[in-house]
Amino acid sequence: MVEKLGKHIWESSKSTKGYWLTRFVFLRLLGFIYLFAFISLVAQVIPLIGDNGLLPADIFLDRVESAYGSKSNAFFQMPSVLWLYISDNALLALSWLGIILSLIVLIGYANAILMFILWALYMSFVHIGQTFYGYGWEIQLLETGFLAIFIVPLLDMRPFPKTAPPVAIFWLLRWLVFRLYIGTGLIKLRGDSCWRDFTCLLYHYETQPIPNPLSPYWHFLPVWFHKFGILWTHFTFLAVPWFIFAARKFRIVAGLLLVYIQVLLIFNGNYAFLNFLAIIATIAVFDDRFFRKILPKFIVRKAEIAERNCKFSKDQFILSWIIVIVVIMLSVPVVVNLLSSNQAMNTSFNQLHLVNTYGAFGSIGKVRTELVVKGTLDEAIDENTVWKEYEFIAKPTDVNRNLPIIAPYQPRIDWQIWFAAFQTPEYNPWLIHMVWKLLHNDPGTLSLIAENPFPNQPPKYIMIEHYRYEFANPWKEDKVWKRTYLGVWLPPLSKDTQGLREFIGGNGWETGE
């Protein structure tokens, strides 16, 4: 019975609505994002969460184990292969393994085992990454990566294997896309009033975490353009997603509109791999009839040959529908959250992040404030003290420095400093730890920074000041920013400051002395 039904569905999906090319494109692009995610780990994981990092993962795991009473209980609450063994070498080895496997997927080879390993590896880092890995796109990559496990055969790694792509999984990817856009749209309507009075974009391009070179030009567009942009945003996020479940013509148009707005977002800011990942999931909206028109003919021919010679897989059909049932069950709290007036965004309701709720920019800052880290070699601080500023990879400091194009790579410390500017030091212990490390010219911490103003010897004191930053008009001024001093965020500290030494030791961090 099951086999007969499966063959009927399979045969009806061939040729006219097949997903051979869709699978091919989806997997290649997903491999690209995995690659950037693991490259980011190789570059940053040791100074962020290594043995001597800003938030050491081994200390974090010990605390989690203590909280749950045993390592096994802790593992089931926060699954990670790093529960088995954690060290700097282990973090790097797993990151490089992720890069290698991502490259294999990117060049065209994938099976369920490989995709499972990639998913499990990245989940392992997300669960121990603490503050630095708490972004919505982390769980979005995990949900997307989990579904990707089931669109490929168990063992066959060929770009066009003998097993047909399971249609049911592509419908689950569409469900992911729907939740991503609807959740983001609803959080805007329920959040900041500027989304309802059409004024958010008057501020957003300037106050977003990491603007790109085009952001000032967007910012100084006419008010009517910004208001139209919000109207278009509401339409795209709240109306268009419904059509991805409609007849093919409507579905294709909806998919193109969803991809279009993500491309626009890529051109007005640096949002790590968020927008790229949204585009990748949206690939599931399109079928082979669409991709035959845009992909090279030799790839299309390979897909057609594979389609003609493929065989129905009863096991894969059953498995795909088991996954459908699991996703439906796990979607219940997600749907309840979407309907709630107290909607949460970027939240998981299970330890494996299989079905999540999403959202972004529910509130918009009207004023951009930045933390500027300064150091001095002077032995005593007075009105004549010479302070030099640390320059970070992407966040604004120097008002004359050009804005970067850095996405899909994410300089995580830059993002966290953007959040810290809205808070006080006690909510950002990692940043105080960073100050301690800069007082010692710690090589790992300095690797996260673009320019060290004290290359020959560490500074005697470091302080953090608060500034307001505003875009200079790119049509009229030859600088990027204008800034206004607001006050001291963290007073001058030296490595001999008793309170600082006690804070470092109290958190179990190495003093480096």
Protein backbone atom coordinates (compact mmCIF):
# COMPACT_ATOMS: atom_id res chain seq x y z
CA MET A 1 0.00 0.00 0.00
CA VAL A 2 2.73 2.44 1.06
CA GLU A 3 4.88 1.49 -1.89
CA LYS A 4 1.99 1.90 -4.33
CA LEU A 5 1.13 5.34 -2.94
CA GLY A 6 4.75 6.37 -2.96
CA LYS A 7 5.27 5.32 -6.57
CA HIS A 8 2.16 7.27 -7.58
CA ILE A 9 3.46 10.45 -5.93
CA TRP A 10 6.92 9.85 -7.34
CA GLU A 11 5.73 9.29 -10.89
CA SER A 12 3.44 12.34 -10.79
CA SER A 13 6.36 14.53 -9.73
CA LYS A 14 8.69 13.42 -12.52
CA SER A 15 9.54 15.67 -15.46
CA THR A 16 6.98 18.39 -14.83
CA LYS A 17 7.58 19.07 -11.17
CA GLY A 18 10.84 17.24 -10.44
CA TYR A 19 13.43 18.57 -8.01
CA TRP A 20 16.67 17.12 -9.34
CA LEU A 21 18.07 20.51 -10.28
CA THR A 22 16.48 22.09 -7.21
CA ARG A 23 18.33 19.63 -4.98
CA PHE A 24 21.56 20.21 -6.87
CA VAL A 25 21.39 24.01 -6.45
CA PHE A 26 20.16 23.86 -2.86
CA LEU A 27 22.97 21.58 -1.69
CA ARG A 28 25.71 23.54 -3.45
CA LEU A 29 24.55 26.80 -1.87
CA LEU A 30 24.12 25.20 1.54
CA GLY A 31 27.69 23.91 1.28
CA PHE A 32 28.77 27.49 0.59
CA ILE A 33 27.13 28.76 3.79
CA TYR A 34 28.49 25.89 5.86
CA LEU A 35 31.91 26.75 4.48
CA PHE A 36 31.69 30.36 5.66
CA ALA A 37 30.32 29.27 9.02
CA PHE A 38 33.26 26.94 9.64
CA ILE A 39 35.81 29.42 8.25
CA SER A 40 34.48 31.85 10.84
CA LEU A 41 35.04 29.19 13.49
CA VAL A 42 38.64 28.56 12.45
CA ALA A 43 39.37 32.29 12.55
CA GLN A 44 37.59 33.11 15.81
CA VAL A 45 36.70 30.08 17.92
CA ILE A 46 39.95 29.88 19.94
CA PRO A 47 40.10 33.54 21.07
CA LEU A 48 36.34 33.53 21.70
CA ILE A 49 35.69 30.24 23.53
CA GLY A 50 39.01 28.40 23.62
CA ASP A 51 40.94 27.41 26.75
CA ASN A 52 42.09 31.01 27.20
CA GLY A 53 39.28 32.67 25.27
CA LEU A 54 36.94 35.47 26.28
CA LEU A 55 34.29 32.95 27.41
CA PRO A 56 36.11 29.60 27.76
CA ALA A 57 33.86 26.74 26.72
CA ASP A 58 35.43 24.27 29.17
CA ILE A 59 34.36 26.46 32.11
CA PHE A 60 30.91 26.79 30.58
CA LEU A 61 30.54 23.03 30.15
CA ASP A 62 31.60 22.43 33.76
CA ARG A 63 28.89 24.84 34.93
CA VAL A 64 26.24 23.23 32.74
CA GLU A 65 27.21 19.77 33.98
CA SER A 66 26.97 20.98 37.57
CA ALA A 67 23.56 22.55 36.91
CA TYR A 68 22.11 19.33 35.44
CA GLY A 69 23.79 16.96 37.87
CA SER A 70 25.69 14.82 35.39
CA LYS A 71 27.39 14.96 32.02
CA SER A 72 24.78 12.67 30.43
CA ASN A 73 21.91 14.89 31.57
CA ALA A 74 23.78 17.95 30.34
CA PHE A 75 24.42 16.28 26.98
CA PHE A 76 20.72 15.63 26.39
CA GLN A 77 19.93 19.25 27.22
CA MET A 78 22.74 20.64 25.07
CA PRO A 79 23.92 17.99 22.59
CA SER A 80 27.52 18.48 21.48
CA VAL A 81 30.33 16.13 20.50
CA LEU A 82 32.60 18.39 22.55
CA TRP A 83 31.19 16.86 25.72
CA LEU A 84 33.47 13.92 24.91
CA TYR A 85 36.62 16.03 24.91
CA ILE A 86 37.28 19.75 24.63
CA SER A 87 40.52 21.61 24.01
CA ASP A 88 41.83 24.19 21.59
CA ASN A 89 43.08 21.40 19.34
CA ALA A 90 39.66 19.72 19.38
CA LEU A 91 37.90 23.00 18.51
CA LEU A 92 40.25 23.61 15.60
CA ALA A 93 40.17 20.01 14.37
CA LEU A 94 36.37 19.94 14.24
CA SER A 95 36.29 23.36 12.57
CA TRP A 96 38.69 22.22 9.86
CA LEU A 97 36.70 19.01 9.43
CA GLY A 98 33.64 21.19 8.85
CA ILE A 99 35.52 23.19 6.20
CA ILE A 100 36.62 20.04 4.38
CA LEU A 101 33.14 18.51 4.38
CA SER A 102 31.59 21.82 3.32
CA LEU A 103 33.94 21.99 0.36
CA ILE A 104 32.94 18.47 -0.66
CA VAL A 105 29.28 19.50 -0.66
CA LEU A 106 30.08 22.75 -2.47
CA ILE A 107 31.79 21.00 -5.37
CA GLY A 108 28.86 18.66 -5.82
CA TYR A 109 29.06 15.60 -3.58
CA ALA A 110 26.80 14.84 -0.66
CA ASN A 111 24.99 12.03 1.10
CA ALA A 112 22.97 11.74 4.29
CA ILE A 113 25.97 10.73 6.40
CA LEU A 114 28.02 13.72 5.30
CA MET A 115 25.13 16.16 5.80
CA PHE A 116 24.44 14.68 9.24
CA ILE A 117 28.05 15.19 10.29
CA LEU A 118 27.98 18.81 9.15
CA TRP A 119 24.75 19.42 11.05
CA ALA A 120 26.01 17.70 14.21
CA LEU A 121 29.31 19.57 14.07
CA TYR A 122 27.73 22.98 13.78
CA MET A 123 25.18 22.21 16.47
CA SER A 124 28.06 21.20 18.73
CA PHE A 125 29.59 24.66 18.40
CA VAL A 126 26.29 26.53 18.72
CA HIS A 127 25.54 24.81 22.03
CA ILE A 128 28.86 25.77 23.59
CA GLY A 129 29.34 29.13 21.88
CA GLN A 130 27.35 31.06 24.52
CA THR A 131 26.86 34.75 23.77
CA PHE A 132 28.90 34.65 20.61
CA TYR A 133 26.72 32.00 18.94
CA GLY A 134 23.26 33.10 20.03
CA TYR A 135 22.03 34.56 16.72
CA GLY A 136 18.89 33.59 14.84
CA TRP A 137 20.79 32.43 11.79
CA GLU A 138 22.60 29.78 13.85
CA ILE A 139 19.38 27.88 14.55
CA GLN A 140 18.14 28.64 11.04
CA LEU A 141 21.23 26.93 9.61
CA LEU A 142 20.65 23.98 11.92
CA GLU A 143 17.02 23.57 10.86
CA THR A 144 17.93 23.93 7.19
CA GLY A 145 20.87 21.56 7.58
CA PHE A 146 18.72 18.97 9.34
CA LEU A 147 16.21 18.87 6.48
CA ALA A 148 19.09 18.64 4.01
CA ILE A 149 20.04 15.28 5.52
CA PHE A 150 16.88 13.73 4.09
CA ILE A 151 16.95 15.01 0.52
CA VAL A 152 19.99 12.88 -0.36
CA PRO A 153 20.59 9.12 -0.29
CA LEU A 154 22.26 7.49 2.68
CA LEU A 155 25.48 6.55 0.84
CA ASP A 156 25.39 7.67 -2.80
CA MET A 157 27.34 10.95 -3.00
CA ARG A 158 26.96 11.69 -6.70
CA PRO A 159 25.52 15.07 -7.71
CA PHE A 160 22.68 13.22 -9.44
CA PRO A 161 22.20 9.89 -7.60
CA LYS A 162 19.80 7.11 -8.54
CA THR A 163 17.33 8.12 -5.84
CA ALA A 164 14.80 10.84 -6.66
CA PRO A 165 14.58 13.90 -4.38
CA PRO A 166 11.78 13.39 -1.83
CA VAL A 167 9.10 15.98 -2.57
CA ALA A 168 7.88 15.99 1.03
CA ILE A 169 11.16 17.45 2.30
CA PHE A 170 10.91 20.35 -0.12
CA TRP A 171 7.47 21.09 1.28
CA LEU A 172 9.06 21.18 4.75
CA LEU A 173 11.62 23.65 3.49
CA ARG A 174 8.75 25.79 2.22
CA TRP A 175 7.21 25.59 5.67
CA LEU A 176 10.53 26.85 7.05
CA VAL A 177 10.49 29.73 4.55
CA PHE A 178 6.91 30.58 5.48
CA ARG A 179 7.71 30.73 9.20
CA LEU A 180 10.85 32.76 8.57
CA TYR A 181 9.02 35.50 6.68
CA ILE A 182 5.74 35.48 8.57
CA GLY A 183 7.54 35.49 11.91
CA THR A 184 9.70 38.42 10.84
CA GLY A 185 6.71 40.30 9.47
CA LEU A 186 4.58 39.78 12.57
CA ILE A 187 7.34 40.76 14.99
CA LYS A 188 7.64 44.05 13.13
CA LEU A 189 3.92 44.79 13.31
CA ARG A 190 3.79 43.84 16.99
CA GLY A 191 7.06 45.53 17.89
CA ASP A 192 8.34 49.02 17.34
CA SER A 193 5.64 51.56 16.46
CA CYS A 194 7.87 52.92 13.70
CA TRP A 195 6.96 49.86 11.60
CA ARG A 196 3.32 50.91 11.86
CA ASP A 197 3.86 54.60 11.18
CA PHE A 198 6.31 53.83 8.35
CA THR A 199 9.32 55.65 9.82
CA CYS A 200 11.70 52.77 10.76
CA LEU A 201 13.82 53.05 7.64
CA LEU A 202 14.59 56.67 8.48
CA TYR A 203 16.90 55.22 11.14
CA HIS A 204 17.61 51.58 10.29
CA TYR A 205 20.40 51.97 7.75
CA GLU A 206 22.35 54.14 10.19
CA THR A 207 21.68 52.18 13.37
CA GLN A 208 22.01 48.58 12.06
CA PRO A 209 24.86 46.52 13.54
CA ILE A 210 27.38 46.76 10.69
CA PRO A 211 26.53 49.05 7.77
CA ASN A 212 28.10 48.50 4.36
CA PRO A 213 29.39 51.09 1.84
CA LEU A 214 25.91 51.59 0.36
CA SER A 215 24.17 52.11 3.70
CA PRO A 216 24.76 55.91 3.86
CA TYR A 217 23.30 56.31 0.39
CA TRP A 218 20.20 54.37 1.42
CA HIS A 219 19.94 56.48 4.57
CA PHE A 220 19.81 59.79 2.70
CA LEU A 221 17.13 58.74 0.20
CA PRO A 222 13.86 60.73 0.32
CA VAL A 223 11.37 60.09 3.11
CA TRP A 224 8.73 58.89 0.64
CA PHE A 225 11.15 56.18 -0.54
CA HIS A 226 11.69 54.93 3.02
CA LYS A 227 7.94 54.78 3.64
CA PHE A 228 7.40 52.90 0.41
CA GLY A 229 10.21 50.52 1.46
CA ILE A 230 8.35 49.68 4.67
CA LEU A 231 5.10 49.15 2.76
CA TRP A 232 6.95 46.79 0.40
CA THR A 233 8.53 45.03 3.39
CA HIS A 234 5.14 44.42 4.99
CA PHE A 235 3.74 43.14 1.71
CA THR A 236 6.70 40.82 1.09
CA PHE A 237 6.91 39.39 4.59
CA LEU A 238 3.21 39.10 5.40
CA ALA A 239 1.39 38.52 2.10
CA VAL A 240 3.82 36.91 -0.34
CA PRO A 241 4.78 33.81 1.76
CA TRP A 242 1.24 32.44 1.55
CA PHE A 243 1.64 32.00 -2.21
CA ILE A 244 4.56 29.55 -1.90
CA PHE A 245 1.88 26.92 -1.24
CA ALA A 246 -0.26 28.00 -4.22
CA ALA A 247 -0.33 26.91 -7.87
CA ARG A 248 3.02 26.82 -9.65
CA LYS A 249 2.87 30.23 -11.36
CA PHE A 250 1.98 31.98 -8.11
CA ARG A 251 4.62 29.96 -6.25
CA ILE A 252 7.38 30.92 -8.67
CA VAL A 253 6.50 34.62 -8.55
CA ALA A 254 6.35 34.49 -4.75
CA GLY A 255 9.75 32.79 -4.62
CA LEU A 256 11.30 35.45 -6.87
CA LEU A 257 9.87 38.24 -4.70
CA LEU A 258 11.25 36.61 -1.56
CA VAL A 259 14.69 36.23 -3.13
CA TYR A 260 14.54 39.81 -4.39
CA ILE A 261 14.02 41.34 -0.95
CA GLN A 262 16.91 39.31 0.48
CA VAL A 263 19.17 40.60 -2.31
CA LEU A 264 18.11 44.15 -1.41
CA LEU A 265 18.99 43.47 2.22
CA ILE A 266 22.43 42.19 1.19
CA PHE A 267 23.01 45.49 -0.59
CA ASN A 268 22.13 47.66 2.39
CA GLY A 269 23.94 45.98 5.28
CA ASN A 270 26.14 43.20 6.63
CA TYR A 271 23.88 40.62 8.24
CA ALA A 272 26.33 37.69 8.37
CA PHE A 273 24.84 34.76 6.43
CA LEU A 274 21.21 35.50 7.40
CA ASN A 275 20.08 36.74 3.97
CA PHE A 276 22.07 34.13 2.06
CA LEU A 277 20.54 31.36 4.16
CA ALA A 278 17.03 32.71 3.55
CA ILE A 279 17.68 32.62 -0.20
CA ILE A 280 18.94 29.04 0.03
CA ALA A 281 15.81 27.85 1.82
CA THR A 282 13.69 29.65 -0.77
CA ILE A 283 15.32 27.52 -3.49
CA ALA A 284 12.82 24.84 -2.43
CA VAL A 285 10.03 26.97 -3.91
CA PHE A 286 11.40 26.44 -7.44
CA ASP A 287 11.29 23.22 -9.49
CA ASP A 288 13.29 21.79 -12.37
CA ARG A 289 11.17 23.52 -14.99
CA PHE A 290 12.42 26.81 -13.56
CA PHE A 291 16.08 25.83 -13.25
CA ARG A 292 16.22 24.30 -16.74
CA LYS A 293 15.95 27.84 -18.10
CA ILE A 294 18.86 29.28 -16.14
CA LEU A 295 21.38 26.50 -15.46
CA PRO A 296 24.07 25.37 -17.95
CA LYS A 297 22.85 22.78 -20.44
CA PHE A 298 25.38 20.13 -19.41
CA ILE A 299 24.04 20.18 -15.84
CA VAL A 300 20.46 20.01 -17.11
CA ARG A 301 21.34 17.01 -19.28
CA LYS A 302 22.88 15.17 -16.32
CA ALA A 303 19.75 15.81 -14.27
CA GLU A 304 17.52 14.53 -17.09
CA ILE A 305 19.59 11.36 -17.47
CA ALA A 306 19.46 10.71 -13.72
CA GLU A 307 15.72 11.32 -13.71
CA ARG A 308 15.11 8.82 -16.51
CA ASN A 309 17.23 6.14 -14.84
CA CYS A 310 16.22 6.63 -11.22
CA LYS A 311 14.37 4.13 -9.09
CA PHE A 312 11.72 4.59 -6.47
CA SER A 313 13.05 4.19 -2.93
CA LYS A 314 10.43 2.88 -0.53
CA ASP A 315 12.74 3.45 2.45
CA GLN A 316 13.41 7.06 1.57
CA PHE A 317 9.71 7.69 0.92
CA ILE A 318 8.73 6.31 4.35
CA LEU A 319 11.55 8.18 6.07
CA SER A 320 10.60 11.48 4.46
CA TRP A 321 7.04 11.17 5.69
CA ILE A 322 8.22 10.25 9.18
CA ILE A 323 10.14 13.52 9.16
CA VAL A 324 6.98 15.31 8.00
CA ILE A 325 5.07 13.91 11.00
CA VAL A 326 7.89 14.91 13.37
CA VAL A 327 7.99 18.46 11.98
CA ILE A 328 4.19 18.78 12.24
CA MET A 329 4.31 17.75 15.90
CA LEU A 330 7.20 20.10 16.67
CA SER A 331 5.45 22.95 14.84
CA VAL A 332 2.62 23.19 17.38
CA PRO A 333 4.44 25.49 19.87
CA VAL A 334 5.87 27.46 16.95
CA VAL A 335 2.42 28.18 15.54
CA VAL A 336 1.15 29.06 19.02
CA ASN A 337 4.03 31.52 19.33
CA LEU A 338 3.25 33.09 15.93
CA LEU A 339 -0.34 33.64 17.03
CA SER A 340 0.65 35.05 20.41
CA SER A 341 0.66 38.78 21.11
CA ASN A 342 3.83 38.09 23.13
CA GLN A 343 5.58 36.52 20.16
CA ALA A 344 9.19 35.53 20.75
CA MET A 345 11.65 35.58 17.88
CA ASN A 346 14.68 33.40 17.11
CA THR A 347 13.68 30.78 19.64
CA SER A 348 13.98 27.00 19.70
CA PHE A 349 11.44 24.75 21.39
CA ASN A 350 13.60 21.64 21.33
CA GLN A 351 17.24 20.86 22.05
CA LEU A 352 18.06 19.93 18.44
CA HIS A 353 16.66 23.17 16.94
CA LEU A 354 14.57 21.18 14.46
CA VAL A 355 11.62 23.59 14.17
CA ASN A 356 12.17 27.17 15.31
CA THR A 357 10.54 30.56 15.35
CA TYR A 358 12.28 33.45 13.63
CA GLY A 359 12.24 37.21 13.41
CA ALA A 360 14.50 40.23 13.06
CA PHE A 361 14.50 43.93 13.94
CA GLY A 362 11.30 43.94 15.93
CA SER A 363 12.63 47.15 17.42
CA ILE A 364 14.73 49.78 15.69
CA GLY A 365 17.26 52.02 17.40
CA LYS A 366 16.70 55.70 16.64
CA VAL A 367 20.22 56.69 17.67
CA ARG A 368 23.45 54.85 16.93
CA THR A 369 25.82 54.63 19.88
CA GLU A 370 29.23 53.01 19.72
CA LEU A 371 31.74 51.86 22.29
CA VAL A 372 35.24 53.10 21.54
CA VAL A 373 38.06 51.19 23.23
CA LYS A 374 41.07 53.37 24.08
CA GLY A 375 44.44 52.70 25.64
CA THR A 376 47.43 54.70 26.85
CA LEU A 377 51.09 54.09 27.69
CA ASP A 378 51.09 56.87 30.27
CA GLU A 379 51.86 55.79 33.82
CA ALA A 380 49.45 58.33 35.30
CA ILE A 381 46.14 59.63 33.94
CA ASP A 382 45.49 63.35 33.76
CA GLU A 383 44.15 65.90 31.30
CA ASN A 384 47.31 65.49 29.19
CA THR A 385 47.05 61.73 28.80
CA VAL A 386 47.41 60.54 25.20
CA TRP A 387 44.74 57.95 24.35
CA LYS A 388 44.89 55.76 21.24
CA GLU A 389 41.86 53.96 19.81
CA TYR A 390 41.60 50.28 18.93
CA GLU A 391 40.24 49.72 15.44
CA PHE A 392 38.01 46.69 14.96
CA ILE A 393 37.46 44.63 11.81
CA ALA A 394 34.03 45.94 10.91
CA LYS A 395 32.45 48.12 13.63
CA PRO A 396 32.79 51.90 13.27
CA THR A 397 35.50 53.67 15.22
CA ASP A 398 37.55 55.94 12.91
CA VAL A 399 35.04 58.37 11.37
CA ASN A 400 37.04 58.42 8.14
CA ARG A 401 37.40 54.68 7.62
CA ASN A 402 35.41 53.21 4.73
CA LEU A 403 32.55 50.90 5.60
CA PRO A 404 33.23 47.19 4.94
CA ILE A 405 31.66 44.51 2.78
CA ILE A 406 32.11 41.48 5.01
CA ALA A 407 28.94 39.31 4.86
CA PRO A 408 28.45 36.33 4.86
CA TYR A 409 31.46 36.30 7.20
CA GLN A 410 30.61 37.46 10.72
CA PRO A 411 33.13 39.21 12.98
CA ARG A 412 31.34 38.14 16.13
CA ILE A 413 33.07 40.42 18.60
CA ASP A 414 32.05 43.44 16.50
CA TRP A 415 28.41 42.37 16.65
CA GLN A 416 28.56 41.85 20.40
CA ILE A 417 30.06 45.27 20.99
CA TRP A 418 27.11 46.73 19.08
CA PHE A 419 24.76 45.06 21.56
CA ALA A 420 26.92 46.06 24.52
CA ALA A 421 26.51 49.73 23.60
CA PHE A 422 22.86 49.45 24.67
CA GLN A 423 23.79 47.95 28.02
CA THR A 424 26.12 48.44 30.98
CA PRO A 425 29.40 46.62 31.75
CA GLU A 426 27.88 44.18 34.26
CA TYR A 427 25.82 42.64 31.45
CA ASN A 428 28.92 42.11 29.31
CA PRO A 429 31.56 40.30 31.40
CA TRP A 430 33.26 39.07 28.25
CA LEU A 431 34.06 42.68 27.31
CA ILE A 432 35.71 43.33 30.66
CA HIS A 433 37.67 40.13 30.08
CA MET A 434 38.69 41.53 26.68
CA VAL A 435 40.01 44.67 28.39
CA TRP A 436 42.12 42.48 30.69
CA LYS A 437 43.54 40.65 27.70
CA LEU A 438 44.29 43.86 25.82
CA LEU A 439 46.20 45.06 28.87
CA HIS A 440 48.45 42.05 28.26
CA ASN A 441 48.52 42.28 24.44
CA ASP A 442 47.01 38.81 24.27
CA PRO A 443 47.69 37.48 20.72
CA GLY A 444 44.36 35.63 20.48
CA THR A 445 42.29 38.66 21.39
CA LEU A 446 44.34 40.90 19.12
CA SER A 447 43.60 38.54 16.22
CA LEU A 448 39.95 39.67 16.51
CA ILE A 449 40.96 43.32 16.13
CA ALA A 450 41.95 45.11 12.93
CA GLU A 451 44.61 47.41 14.38
CA ASN A 452 46.56 47.29 17.64
CA PRO A 453 47.82 50.81 18.52
CA PHE A 454 50.34 49.29 20.96
CA PRO A 455 52.36 46.77 18.93
CA ASN A 456 55.57 47.03 20.95
CA GLN A 457 54.28 46.94 24.51
CA PRO A 458 50.85 46.61 26.13
CA PRO A 459 49.06 49.73 27.32
CA LYS A 460 49.14 50.78 30.97
CA TYR A 461 45.44 51.68 31.04
CA ILE A 462 42.39 50.93 28.93
CA MET A 463 39.02 52.67 29.04
CA ILE A 464 35.84 52.46 26.98
CA GLU A 465 33.95 55.58 25.97
CA HIS A 466 30.44 56.03 24.63
CA TYR A 467 29.83 58.01 21.44
CA ARG A 468 26.89 58.81 19.23
CA TYR A 469 27.60 58.11 15.55
CA GLU A 470 25.73 59.66 12.65
CA PHE A 471 26.25 59.19 8.93
CA ALA A 472 27.93 62.03 7.14
CA ASN A 473 26.10 62.87 3.92
CA PRO A 474 28.02 60.93 1.22
CA TRP A 475 26.88 63.42 -1.43
CA LYS A 476 28.27 66.43 0.45
CA GLU A 477 30.96 65.34 2.93
CA ASP A 478 34.24 63.49 2.51
CA LYS A 479 34.02 61.47 5.74
CA VAL A 480 31.85 58.52 6.65
CA TRP A 481 30.70 59.38 10.18
CA LYS A 482 30.17 62.26 12.55
CA ARG A 483 30.42 61.44 16.22
CA THR A 484 29.54 63.09 19.53
CA TYR A 485 31.02 62.20 22.90
CA LEU A 486 28.44 60.85 25.37
CA GLY A 487 30.50 59.77 28.36
CA VAL A 488 32.59 57.01 29.92
CA TRP A 489 31.21 53.48 29.59
CA LEU A 490 34.06 51.76 31.45
CA PRO A 491 36.52 53.86 33.49
CA PRO A 492 40.29 53.50 33.01
CA LEU A 493 41.57 50.15 34.24
CA SER A 494 45.07 48.76 34.55
CA LYS A 495 46.21 45.21 35.17
CA ASP A 496 46.93 46.32 38.75
CA THR A 497 43.35 47.48 39.37
CA GLN A 498 42.25 45.33 42.30
CA GLY A 499 38.59 45.14 41.33
CA LEU A 500 39.50 44.01 37.82
CA ARG A 501 41.86 41.30 39.11
CA GLU A 502 39.19 40.03 41.47
CA PHE A 503 36.60 40.00 38.68
CA ILE A 504 38.87 37.95 36.41
CA GLY A 505 39.74 35.45 39.11
CA GLY A 506 36.14 35.22 40.33
CA ASN A 507 35.01 34.04 36.92
CA GLY A 508 37.65 31.33 36.81
CA TRP A 509 39.58 32.99 33.99
CA GLU A 510 43.33 32.80 33.62
CA THR A 511 45.15 35.93 34.72
CA GLY A 512 47.97 35.41 32.25
CA GLU A 513 50.52 36.14 34.97
